[in-house]
Amino acid sequence: MDAYTPVRRVGSGTYGDVLHAVDTKGDFVAIKIMNSHTLCVSDPLQLPEVATLRRLPPHPNIIRLIRVVVTRDHTHLIFEYAGGGTLLNFLRSSGPLKEHMLRNIAFRILQGLYHIHTNSVIHRDLKLENILLTSETGDANGDIVGVKIADFGLSRAQGSRQNTDYVSTRWYRAPELLLHYSGYGPPIDIWAAGCCFAELLTGDPLFPGDTEIQQLQLICAFLKPLKPDACKGAMHALPRFITENMTVSDADIYTLAEAREALRRELGCSHVLADLLAHMLAWNPEDRITAQRALMHQFFAI
């Protein structure tokens, strides 16, 4: 690790610390330092984050893993440095985004997700804290240009037998995860991205549940529940949840049109953006828009 000079600590977590450092060429890097003795695998190269980023082809909207350095007690993941910090910190300092700025950021996030999903990977923990900006300021038009999806520590290959029940932070967790459906796939990332886009518009989480039950209750209250005969596959457990935890009338039934209107009203956004979000936040993962189709949505043609 003599090739890197620490500048400052920029973050920490259960895994260890993240340092801002400079290499011998004068280039900035970010170094994630983990205790080798507490890793979930014996070979650091088999860590989900490392394995995923090594298999993914380079992409401008995915954080780049430069190298892995293993010492006696620690494993160091050397990443490209994103000097703008997290999208969450940007939101906190700058306030809610206007639609034109959200359009720019959302397009880049969806480009990153399309790349991930095309290469048979599910991120599984998309949230504002895990999206990095390369600069604190925008271009001449004020648009954020450099957006990087980061933190692949919970990522999995699509169809992996290692799909776990607990994935993603609760506020961004798709209904199929809250219903403990093990056959989930890329649509969970689309749901999380939709929650992120809504949060960027208002400054507040769309579904800030304190528990899994409350999380589903908030989603039901906002989107309205699916009709029982539509609750198949990933949604088969929803009717029982509603019976045990909610009181609903026959009028409280989900439709895409009503979800779109609820989003437009709650977020104060345009009809075209509300339509994109309604398709990203569809109850059934089979009905949820893909990253590829989302990139072709009318919202990005304006």
Protein backbone atom coordinates (compact mmCIF):
# COMPACT_ATOMS: atom_id res chain seq x y z
CA MET A 1 0.00 0.00 0.00
CA ASP A 2 3.04 2.27 -0.25
CA ALA A 3 1.75 3.36 -3.65
CA TYR A 4 -1.07 5.33 -2.00
CA THR A 5 -0.98 8.32 0.33
CA PRO A 6 -4.14 8.84 2.43
CA VAL A 7 -5.74 12.28 2.25
CA ARG A 8 -8.77 11.90 4.52
CA ARG A 9 -11.43 9.45 5.60
CA VAL A 10 -14.62 9.91 3.61
CA GLY A 11 -16.82 7.17 5.05
CA SER A 12 -17.14 4.14 7.28
CA GLY A 13 -19.46 1.22 7.83
CA THR A 14 -19.68 -2.32 9.13
CA TYR A 15 -17.15 -3.36 6.48
CA GLY A 16 -14.50 -0.81 7.55
CA ASP A 17 -13.39 2.61 6.33
CA VAL A 18 -13.24 4.42 2.99
CA LEU A 19 -10.26 6.70 2.43
CA HIS A 20 -9.63 9.41 -0.13
CA ALA A 21 -6.03 8.88 -1.26
CA VAL A 22 -3.59 9.83 -4.00
CA ASP A 23 -1.38 7.43 -5.96
CA THR A 24 2.21 7.87 -7.13
CA LYS A 25 1.03 9.51 -10.37
CA GLY A 26 -0.92 12.12 -8.44
CA ASP A 27 -4.31 10.64 -9.33
CA PHE A 28 -7.04 10.52 -6.68
CA VAL A 29 -8.52 7.17 -5.68
CA ALA A 30 -10.96 5.87 -3.08
CA ILE A 31 -9.83 2.95 -0.92
CA LYS A 32 -12.27 0.69 0.89
CA ILE A 33 -10.44 -1.06 3.74
CA MET A 34 -11.85 -4.27 5.20
CA ASN A 35 -10.64 -6.61 7.92
CA SER A 36 -9.52 -9.76 6.08
CA HIS A 37 -10.29 -11.92 9.11
CA THR A 38 -14.01 -11.02 9.11
CA LEU A 39 -14.73 -11.42 5.40
CA CYS A 40 -17.50 -13.79 4.33
CA VAL A 41 -15.13 -15.57 1.92
CA SER A 42 -11.60 -16.93 2.24
CA ASP A 43 -10.51 -15.44 -1.09
CA PRO A 44 -11.09 -11.65 -1.29
CA LEU A 45 -11.48 -11.94 -5.07
CA GLN A 46 -14.69 -13.89 -4.41
CA LEU A 47 -16.30 -11.02 -2.51
CA PRO A 48 -19.58 -10.16 -4.29
CA GLU A 49 -18.45 -6.59 -4.90
CA VAL A 50 -15.12 -7.67 -6.38
CA ALA A 51 -16.52 -10.59 -8.38
CA THR A 52 -19.26 -8.42 -9.87
CA LEU A 53 -17.07 -5.49 -10.84
CA ARG A 54 -14.42 -7.78 -12.32
CA ARG A 55 -17.00 -9.46 -14.55
CA LEU A 56 -18.78 -6.26 -15.63
CA PRO A 57 -17.34 -4.56 -18.73
CA PRO A 58 -16.34 -0.92 -18.06
CA HIS A 59 -19.16 1.62 -18.24
CA PRO A 60 -19.18 5.39 -17.56
CA ASN A 61 -22.05 5.05 -15.08
CA ILE A 62 -20.55 2.21 -13.03
CA ILE A 63 -17.80 2.84 -10.47
CA ARG A 64 -14.50 1.35 -11.64
CA LEU A 65 -12.56 -1.06 -9.44
CA ILE A 66 -8.89 -0.41 -10.18
CA ARG A 67 -7.24 -3.17 -8.17
CA VAL A 68 -7.42 -5.29 -5.02
CA VAL A 69 -4.54 -5.25 -2.55
CA VAL A 70 -4.40 -7.87 0.21
CA THR A 71 -2.12 -7.46 3.22
CA ARG A 72 -1.81 -9.66 6.28
CA ASP A 73 -4.80 -8.19 8.11
CA HIS A 74 -6.69 -6.12 5.55
CA THR A 75 -8.19 -6.22 2.09
CA HIS A 76 -8.04 -2.95 0.17
CA LEU A 77 -10.37 -2.25 -2.75
CA ILE A 78 -8.99 0.59 -4.87
CA PHE A 79 -11.69 2.49 -6.77
CA GLU A 80 -11.72 5.48 -9.07
CA TYR A 81 -12.46 8.62 -7.06
CA ALA A 82 -15.83 10.34 -7.43
CA GLY A 83 -15.21 13.80 -6.00
CA GLY A 84 -18.83 14.94 -5.92
CA GLY A 85 -19.82 12.63 -3.07
CA THR A 86 -23.08 10.74 -2.83
CA LEU A 87 -26.34 11.71 -4.47
CA LEU A 88 -27.90 11.74 -0.99
CA ASN A 89 -25.45 14.38 0.21
CA PHE A 90 -26.03 16.37 -2.97
CA LEU A 91 -29.78 16.30 -2.31
CA ARG A 92 -29.28 17.42 1.29
CA SER A 93 -27.04 20.32 0.31
CA SER A 94 -28.84 21.46 -2.85
CA GLY A 95 -32.44 20.60 -2.03
CA PRO A 96 -35.05 18.93 -4.27
CA LEU A 97 -34.22 18.77 -7.96
CA LYS A 98 -36.06 20.37 -10.84
CA GLU A 99 -37.30 17.96 -13.48
CA HIS A 100 -34.65 18.92 -16.04
CA MET A 101 -31.87 18.05 -13.61
CA LEU A 102 -33.61 14.85 -12.52
CA ARG A 103 -33.96 13.91 -16.20
CA ASN A 104 -30.20 14.16 -16.64
CA ILE A 105 -29.36 12.13 -13.53
CA ALA A 106 -32.13 9.55 -13.99
CA PHE A 107 -31.03 8.84 -17.55
CA ARG A 108 -27.48 8.07 -16.42
CA ILE A 109 -28.66 5.86 -13.56
CA LEU A 110 -30.87 3.91 -15.96
CA GLN A 111 -27.96 3.58 -18.39
CA GLY A 112 -25.94 2.05 -15.56
CA LEU A 113 -28.78 -0.31 -14.63
CA TYR A 114 -29.24 -1.34 -18.26
CA HIS A 115 -25.54 -2.24 -18.40
CA ILE A 116 -25.75 -4.18 -15.13
CA HIS A 117 -28.88 -6.10 -16.11
CA THR A 118 -27.65 -6.81 -19.65
CA ASN A 119 -24.64 -8.49 -18.05
CA SER A 120 -26.89 -10.64 -15.82
CA VAL A 121 -26.25 -8.80 -12.56
CA ILE A 122 -28.71 -7.48 -9.95
CA HIS A 123 -27.41 -4.64 -7.79
CA ARG A 124 -29.85 -5.32 -4.92
CA ASP A 125 -29.05 -2.20 -2.89
CA LEU A 126 -29.70 0.81 -5.08
CA LYS A 127 -30.27 3.99 -3.05
CA LEU A 128 -29.07 7.59 -3.09
CA GLU A 129 -26.16 6.75 -0.78
CA ASN A 130 -24.85 4.26 -3.33
CA ILE A 131 -24.90 6.62 -6.29
CA LEU A 132 -21.83 8.85 -6.64
CA LEU A 133 -21.17 12.08 -8.51
CA THR A 134 -17.84 12.83 -10.13
CA SER A 135 -18.17 16.55 -9.40
CA GLU A 136 -20.02 18.77 -6.95
CA THR A 137 -20.93 21.15 -9.77
CA GLY A 138 -22.60 20.64 -13.12
CA ASP A 139 -21.73 21.60 -16.67
CA ALA A 140 -22.44 24.98 -18.28
CA ASN A 141 -26.16 24.22 -18.17
CA GLY A 142 -26.05 23.21 -14.53
CA ASP A 143 -26.57 19.53 -15.38
CA ILE A 144 -24.79 16.83 -13.42
CA VAL A 145 -22.70 14.88 -15.92
CA GLY A 146 -20.77 12.24 -14.00
CA VAL A 147 -23.03 9.72 -12.24
CA LYS A 148 -21.69 6.38 -10.95
CA ILE A 149 -23.59 3.46 -9.43
CA ALA A 150 -21.43 2.11 -6.61
CA ASP A 151 -21.39 -0.30 -3.66
CA PHE A 152 -21.94 -3.72 -5.20
CA GLY A 153 -21.53 -5.51 -1.87
CA LEU A 154 -25.00 -7.11 -2.09
CA SER A 155 -24.95 -7.73 -5.84
CA ARG A 156 -25.73 -11.15 -7.29
CA ALA A 157 -25.75 -12.83 -10.66
CA GLN A 158 -29.27 -13.21 -12.06
CA GLY A 159 -30.68 -16.62 -11.26
CA SER A 160 -28.14 -17.17 -8.51
CA ARG A 161 -28.99 -19.83 -5.97
CA GLN A 162 -27.53 -17.45 -3.40
CA ASN A 163 -30.53 -15.10 -3.57
CA THR A 164 -31.07 -14.03 0.02
CA ASP A 165 -34.22 -12.87 1.74
CA TYR A 166 -32.73 -9.64 3.08
CA VAL A 167 -31.61 -7.32 0.33
CA SER A 168 -31.71 -3.57 -0.14
CA THR A 169 -32.51 -0.87 2.36
CA ARG A 170 -36.15 -1.05 3.49
CA TRP A 171 -37.34 2.24 1.98
CA TYR A 172 -36.25 1.12 -1.50
CA ARG A 173 -37.31 -2.51 -1.19
CA ALA A 174 -39.67 -3.80 -3.88
CA PRO A 175 -42.98 -5.44 -2.88
CA GLU A 176 -41.80 -8.92 -3.89
CA LEU A 177 -38.92 -8.61 -1.42
CA LEU A 178 -41.23 -7.44 1.36
CA LEU A 179 -43.42 -10.47 0.60
CA HIS A 180 -40.31 -12.71 0.84
CA TYR A 181 -40.48 -13.94 -2.74
CA SER A 182 -37.16 -15.64 -3.48
CA GLY A 183 -37.46 -15.62 -7.27
CA TYR A 184 -36.79 -11.90 -7.64
CA GLY A 185 -34.69 -10.38 -10.40
CA PRO A 186 -33.69 -7.07 -12.05
CA PRO A 187 -37.13 -5.46 -11.46
CA ILE A 188 -36.15 -4.92 -7.81
CA ASP A 189 -33.50 -2.46 -9.02
CA ILE A 190 -36.08 -0.66 -11.17
CA TRP A 191 -38.38 -0.25 -8.17
CA ALA A 192 -35.49 1.11 -6.09
CA ALA A 193 -34.56 3.55 -8.86
CA GLY A 194 -38.16 4.78 -9.03
CA CYS A 195 -38.08 5.44 -5.28
CA CYS A 196 -34.80 7.32 -5.71
CA PHE A 197 -36.18 9.51 -8.51
CA ALA A 198 -39.24 10.40 -6.43
CA GLU A 199 -37.04 11.27 -3.45
CA LEU A 200 -34.87 13.54 -5.59
CA LEU A 201 -38.00 15.50 -6.57
CA THR A 202 -39.29 16.11 -3.04
CA GLY A 203 -36.30 15.67 -0.75
CA ASP A 204 -38.13 12.99 1.24
CA PRO A 205 -38.34 9.19 0.88
CA LEU A 206 -41.47 8.05 -0.93
CA PHE A 207 -42.16 5.09 1.39
CA PRO A 208 -40.34 5.67 4.73
CA GLY A 209 -41.57 2.61 6.63
CA ASP A 210 -40.18 1.78 10.07
CA THR A 211 -40.86 -1.94 9.65
CA GLU A 212 -41.49 -4.32 6.76
CA ILE A 213 -45.19 -4.39 7.61
CA GLN A 214 -45.44 -0.60 7.67
CA GLN A 215 -43.45 -0.45 4.44
CA LEU A 216 -46.03 -2.58 2.65
CA GLN A 217 -48.85 -0.64 4.28
CA LEU A 218 -47.44 2.62 2.92
CA ILE A 219 -47.15 1.14 -0.56
CA CYS A 220 -50.72 -0.21 -0.37
CA ALA A 221 -52.04 3.14 0.85
CA PHE A 222 -50.30 5.04 -1.94
CA LEU A 223 -50.69 2.73 -4.94
CA LYS A 224 -53.82 0.86 -3.74
CA PRO A 225 -53.69 -2.96 -3.51
CA LEU A 226 -53.83 -5.31 -6.46
CA LYS A 227 -57.06 -7.19 -7.10
CA PRO A 228 -56.87 -10.65 -5.50
CA ASP A 229 -57.12 -12.42 -8.86
CA ALA A 230 -54.08 -10.43 -10.06
CA CYS A 231 -51.96 -11.59 -7.11
CA LYS A 232 -50.06 -14.43 -8.72
CA GLY A 233 -46.41 -15.41 -8.76
CA ALA A 234 -44.39 -12.81 -6.87
CA MET A 235 -47.57 -11.25 -5.47
CA HIS A 236 -49.29 -14.44 -4.28
CA ALA A 237 -48.81 -13.53 -0.59
CA LEU A 238 -50.28 -10.02 -0.93
CA PRO A 239 -53.97 -10.88 -0.27
CA ARG A 240 -53.11 -12.57 3.01
CA PHE A 241 -50.98 -9.58 4.06
CA ILE A 242 -53.85 -7.20 3.29
CA THR A 243 -56.37 -9.34 5.17
CA GLU A 244 -54.15 -9.49 8.26
CA ASN A 245 -52.82 -5.93 8.28
CA MET A 246 -55.19 -3.56 6.48
CA THR A 247 -58.79 -2.55 5.95
CA VAL A 248 -59.59 -1.83 2.32
CA SER A 249 -62.77 -1.22 0.36
CA ASP A 250 -63.64 -2.48 -3.08
CA ALA A 251 -62.82 0.99 -4.39
CA ASP A 252 -59.25 0.69 -3.15
CA ILE A 253 -57.92 -1.24 -6.13
CA TYR A 254 -54.68 -0.55 -7.99
CA THR A 255 -54.74 0.69 -11.56
CA LEU A 256 -51.82 2.14 -13.48
CA ALA A 257 -53.84 5.27 -14.26
CA GLU A 258 -54.63 5.94 -10.60
CA ALA A 259 -51.04 5.25 -9.57
CA ARG A 260 -49.88 7.73 -12.20
CA GLU A 261 -52.28 10.38 -10.91
CA ALA A 262 -51.29 9.73 -7.28
CA LEU A 263 -47.62 10.21 -8.17
CA ARG A 264 -48.33 13.38 -10.16
CA ARG A 265 -50.36 14.82 -7.28
CA GLU A 266 -47.96 13.78 -4.49
CA LEU A 267 -44.73 14.74 -6.25
CA GLY A 268 -46.05 17.80 -8.07
CA CYS A 269 -44.46 16.57 -11.28
CA SER A 270 -45.41 16.48 -14.94
CA HIS A 271 -47.74 13.82 -16.34
CA VAL A 272 -44.94 12.33 -18.42
CA LEU A 273 -42.64 11.89 -15.41
CA ALA A 274 -45.51 10.48 -13.35
CA ASP A 275 -46.10 7.96 -16.14
CA LEU A 276 -42.47 6.81 -16.08
CA LEU A 277 -42.52 6.45 -12.30
CA ALA A 278 -45.84 4.58 -12.36
CA HIS A 279 -44.31 2.03 -14.73
CA MET A 280 -41.19 1.75 -12.54
CA LEU A 281 -43.33 1.28 -9.43
CA ALA A 282 -45.74 -1.30 -10.81
CA TRP A 283 -46.76 -3.85 -8.16
CA ASN A 284 -45.98 -6.96 -10.16
CA PRO A 285 -42.33 -7.24 -11.26
CA GLU A 286 -43.51 -8.73 -14.56
CA ASP A 287 -45.35 -5.48 -15.28
CA ARG A 288 -42.49 -3.21 -14.23
CA ILE A 289 -40.71 -1.37 -17.01
CA THR A 290 -37.18 -2.54 -17.85
CA ALA A 291 -34.17 -0.22 -17.83
CA GLN A 292 -33.96 -0.52 -21.61
CA ARG A 293 -37.58 0.51 -22.15
CA ALA A 294 -37.34 3.22 -19.48
CA LEU A 295 -34.49 4.83 -21.42
CA MET A 296 -36.84 5.09 -24.41
CA HIS A 297 -39.64 6.69 -22.38
CA GLN A 298 -41.09 10.00 -23.54
CA PHE A 299 -39.76 11.72 -20.39
CA PHE A 300 -36.23 11.53 -21.84
CA ALA A 301 -37.30 12.78 -25.28
CA ILE A 302 -38.34 16.21 -24.00
